Amino acid sequence: SCLWALSSYGVVPDAVPVYQSVTTRVTRRFSNALGSFTYSSLKQSLFWGSVTRAIDGVRFSIAEPEKALLDLWHLSSGEWSRERMLGMQFQQVDLVDRSRLDDYADRWQSPRIRRAADRWLRLVGDRAFEDIS
């Protein structure tokens, strides 16, 4: 989820050095020969919005782009202001379904997440992300 998923969709421009996942279990961090991994805890009611993919026959779940954004906003401290979002240099924002993001933000039932989603939707509507590319 979060930046790793967004990077895999091409919504953030850079490769992400940490594989970040969400889990209903305890938060954990570890590194091995394959990389650095973070498992961040979410309550069960927020554990949804993923799809199953396969690479070379290995199946895995990945957050939908809309859910990856919500997880990122939730797990990152502080307010997601217009400037902070522009600083992320989001790209290919058309891959994020606006209606689904709006619905998912309502489902989150968090004023901070709702504000972040509203800012994102305004920036996409204003085409602000395209202006910085």
Protein backbone atom coordinates (compact mmCIF):
# COMPACT_ATOMS: atom_id res chain seq x y z
CA SER A 1 0.00 0.00 0.00
CA CYS A 2 0.98 3.67 0.36
CA LEU A 3 3.96 4.93 -1.62
CA TRP A 4 5.05 1.50 -2.83
CA ALA A 5 1.66 0.82 -4.42
CA LEU A 6 1.43 4.35 -5.80
CA SER A 7 4.90 3.95 -7.32
CA SER A 8 3.94 0.64 -8.93
CA TYR A 9 0.95 2.37 -10.57
CA GLY A 10 3.14 5.29 -11.69
CA VAL A 11 1.28 7.84 -9.53
CA VAL A 12 4.49 8.85 -7.74
CA PRO A 13 7.55 9.36 -9.93
CA ASP A 14 10.29 7.61 -7.97
CA ALA A 15 11.00 4.06 -6.95
CA VAL A 16 10.27 3.60 -3.27
CA PRO A 17 13.04 2.01 -1.17
CA VAL A 18 10.69 0.56 1.48
CA TYR A 19 7.95 -1.96 0.78
CA GLN A 20 5.09 -0.64 2.88
CA SER A 21 2.12 -2.85 3.60
CA VAL A 22 -0.90 -2.58 5.82
CA THR A 23 -2.04 -5.30 8.16
CA THR A 24 -4.54 -5.86 10.93
CA ARG A 25 -1.69 -7.21 13.04
CA VAL A 26 0.98 -5.39 15.03
CA THR A 27 3.17 -2.84 13.19
CA ARG A 28 6.57 -4.33 12.28
CA ARG A 29 9.69 -3.22 10.43
CA PHE A 30 12.52 -5.39 9.14
CA SER A 31 15.17 -5.62 6.44
CA ASN A 32 16.70 -8.55 4.64
CA ALA A 33 18.47 -9.28 1.35
CA LEU A 34 15.26 -8.48 -0.55
CA GLY A 35 14.84 -4.99 0.93
CA SER A 36 13.25 -3.02 3.75
CA PHE A 37 9.70 -3.80 4.78
CA THR A 38 7.17 -2.00 6.96
CA TYR A 39 3.85 -3.47 8.00
CA SER A 40 1.61 -0.75 9.43
CA SER A 41 -1.40 -1.66 11.51
CA LEU A 42 -4.90 -0.66 10.43
CA LYS A 43 -8.05 -1.56 12.25
CA GLN A 44 -10.10 -4.28 10.60
CA SER A 45 -12.80 -1.83 9.46
CA LEU A 46 -10.18 -0.08 7.25
CA PHE A 47 -8.77 -3.25 5.73
CA TRP A 48 -10.30 -3.31 2.23
CA GLY A 49 -9.63 -1.90 -1.25
CA SER A 50 -7.07 -4.31 -2.65
CA VAL A 51 -6.78 -6.42 -5.77
CA THR A 52 -4.88 -9.65 -6.35
CA ARG A 53 -2.11 -9.68 -8.94
CA ALA A 54 0.44 -12.23 -10.04
CA ILE A 55 4.02 -11.87 -11.23
CA ASP A 56 5.81 -14.99 -12.46
CA GLY A 57 3.09 -17.11 -10.88
CA VAL A 58 3.44 -15.49 -7.46
CA ARG A 59 0.15 -14.00 -6.26
CA PHE A 60 0.01 -10.93 -4.03
CA SER A 61 -2.47 -8.28 -2.95
CA ILE A 62 -1.92 -4.63 -3.74
CA ALA A 63 -4.00 -1.66 -2.68
CA GLU A 64 -6.06 0.02 -5.36
CA PRO A 65 -4.63 3.48 -6.14
CA GLU A 66 -7.47 5.19 -4.24
CA LYS A 67 -6.92 3.05 -1.13
CA ALA A 68 -3.15 3.51 -1.34
CA LEU A 69 -3.66 7.29 -1.20
CA LEU A 70 -5.98 6.98 1.80
CA ASP A 71 -3.53 4.70 3.60
CA LEU A 72 -0.69 7.13 2.88
CA TRP A 73 -2.67 10.08 4.20
CA HIS A 74 -3.74 8.12 7.28
CA LEU A 75 -0.31 6.71 8.16
CA SER A 76 1.58 9.98 7.58
CA SER A 77 1.31 12.45 10.42
CA GLY A 78 0.06 15.96 9.90
CA GLU A 79 -2.29 17.66 7.52
CA TRP A 80 -2.12 16.99 3.78
CA SER A 81 -2.14 20.59 2.59
CA ARG A 82 -2.18 21.69 -1.03
CA GLU A 83 1.55 22.43 -0.83
CA ARG A 84 2.35 19.03 0.66
CA MET A 85 0.43 17.27 -2.08
CA LEU A 86 2.10 19.32 -4.80
CA GLY A 87 5.47 18.50 -3.22
CA MET A 88 4.79 14.80 -3.77
CA GLN A 89 4.88 15.41 -7.53
CA PHE A 90 1.98 13.07 -8.20
CA GLN A 91 1.63 12.09 -11.84
CA GLN A 92 -0.70 9.98 -13.93
CA VAL A 93 -3.49 11.10 -11.61
CA ASP A 94 -6.09 9.90 -14.10
CA LEU A 95 -5.31 6.38 -12.82
CA VAL A 96 -7.06 7.41 -9.59
CA ASP A 97 -10.82 7.07 -9.97
CA ARG A 98 -12.24 10.30 -8.53
CA SER A 99 -15.62 8.83 -7.69
CA ARG A 100 -14.08 5.81 -5.95
CA LEU A 101 -11.68 8.05 -3.99
CA ASP A 102 -14.61 10.20 -2.88
CA ASP A 103 -16.62 7.13 -1.82
CA TYR A 104 -13.66 5.53 -0.06
CA ALA A 105 -12.89 8.76 1.82
CA ASP A 106 -16.48 8.82 3.12
CA ARG A 107 -16.15 5.20 4.16
CA TRP A 108 -13.01 6.09 6.16
CA GLN A 109 -15.10 8.31 8.47
CA SER A 110 -12.19 10.63 9.35
CA PRO A 111 -12.34 14.42 9.00
CA ARG A 112 -8.58 14.59 8.27
CA ILE A 113 -8.84 11.98 5.51
CA ARG A 114 -11.96 13.69 4.11
CA ARG A 115 -10.05 17.01 3.93
CA ALA A 116 -7.11 15.33 2.18
CA ALA A 117 -9.42 13.68 -0.36
CA ASP A 118 -11.20 16.98 -0.99
CA ARG A 119 -7.86 18.72 -1.58
CA TRP A 120 -6.74 15.97 -3.96
CA LEU A 121 -10.00 16.17 -5.89
CA ARG A 122 -9.72 19.97 -6.14
CA LEU A 123 -6.11 19.72 -7.37
CA VAL A 124 -7.07 17.13 -9.97
CA GLY A 125 -10.07 19.25 -11.01
CA ASP A 126 -7.82 22.32 -11.26
CA ARG A 127 -5.25 20.22 -13.16
CA ALA A 128 -2.67 21.46 -10.64
CA PHE A 129 -0.71 18.19 -10.73
CA GLU A 130 -0.20 18.57 -14.48
CA ASP A 131 1.09 22.11 -14.00
CA ILE A 132 4.11 20.93 -12.00
CA SER A 133 5.13 18.10 -14.36
